[in-house]
Amino acid sequence: MPLIQVSLREGRDPQRIRALITALTEATVAALDAPKESVRVIVTEVPGSHWAAGDVTLDEKDA
């Protein structure tokens, strides 16, 4: 059972997240010849204040 976990900065509309889930599922089915029903996708949206690189959050970088 393939499990795909994706972390994204919050703020995308639900239709784009849904499209991502479909694309990841289809790619996994094609690449692994896995049954579609066995593919699991978890999308986690993270606030910009909780995502940092080099001790600078995304919110701080955008400010």
Protein backbone atom coordinates (compact mmCIF):
# COMPACT_ATOMS: atom_id res chain seq x y z
CA MET A 1 0.00 0.00 0.00
CA PRO A 2 1.84 3.13 -1.20
CA LEU A 3 1.56 6.12 1.14
CA ILE A 4 2.40 9.59 -0.15
CA GLN A 5 2.76 12.44 2.34
CA VAL A 6 2.91 16.03 1.10
CA SER A 7 3.49 19.14 3.19
CA LEU A 8 2.45 22.45 1.67
CA ARG A 9 2.17 25.98 2.89
CA GLU A 10 -1.47 26.66 3.64
CA GLY A 11 -3.53 28.84 1.35
CA ARG A 12 -4.32 26.80 -1.76
CA ASP A 13 -7.93 26.34 -2.71
CA PRO A 14 -9.52 22.91 -2.14
CA GLN A 15 -9.84 22.24 -5.89
CA ARG A 16 -6.05 22.52 -6.34
CA ILE A 17 -5.42 20.19 -3.41
CA ARG A 18 -7.93 17.74 -4.88
CA ALA A 19 -6.19 17.93 -8.28
CA LEU A 20 -2.85 17.22 -6.58
CA ILE A 21 -4.29 14.13 -4.88
CA THR A 22 -5.58 12.84 -8.21
CA ALA A 23 -2.28 13.50 -10.00
CA LEU A 24 -0.23 11.80 -7.28
CA THR A 25 -2.56 8.81 -7.24
CA GLU A 26 -2.45 8.42 -11.02
CA ALA A 27 1.36 8.76 -11.10
CA THR A 28 1.74 6.14 -8.39
CA VAL A 29 -0.58 3.72 -10.16
CA ALA A 30 1.39 4.20 -13.40
CA ALA A 31 4.86 4.02 -11.85
CA LEU A 32 4.27 1.10 -9.48
CA ASP A 33 1.43 -0.72 -11.21
CA ALA A 34 -0.36 -0.42 -7.87
CA PRO A 35 -4.11 -0.80 -7.56
CA LYS A 36 -5.68 2.65 -7.34
CA GLU A 37 -7.60 1.63 -4.23
CA SER A 38 -4.35 0.89 -2.40
CA VAL A 39 -2.81 4.34 -2.88
CA ARG A 40 -3.01 6.65 0.14
CA VAL A 41 -2.31 10.39 -0.03
CA ILE A 42 -2.01 12.68 2.99
CA VAL A 43 -1.80 16.42 2.39
CA THR A 44 -0.77 18.54 5.35
CA GLU A 45 -1.09 22.30 5.11
CA VAL A 46 1.33 24.23 7.29
CA PRO A 47 0.98 27.89 8.32
CA GLY A 48 3.80 30.11 7.10
CA SER A 49 4.62 30.91 10.70
CA HIS A 50 5.39 27.21 11.32
CA TRP A 51 7.68 26.65 8.31
CA ALA A 52 11.22 28.00 8.40
CA ALA A 53 14.53 27.75 6.61
CA GLY A 54 17.70 29.21 8.06
CA ASP A 55 15.79 30.40 11.15
CA VAL A 56 13.48 32.58 9.02
CA THR A 57 9.80 31.63 8.75
CA LEU A 58 7.98 31.91 5.46
CA ASP A 59 5.82 34.65 6.96
CA GLU A 60 8.92 36.59 8.00
CA LYS A 61 10.43 36.15 4.53
CA ASP A 62 7.23 37.46 2.90
CA ALA A 63 7.06 40.52 5.18
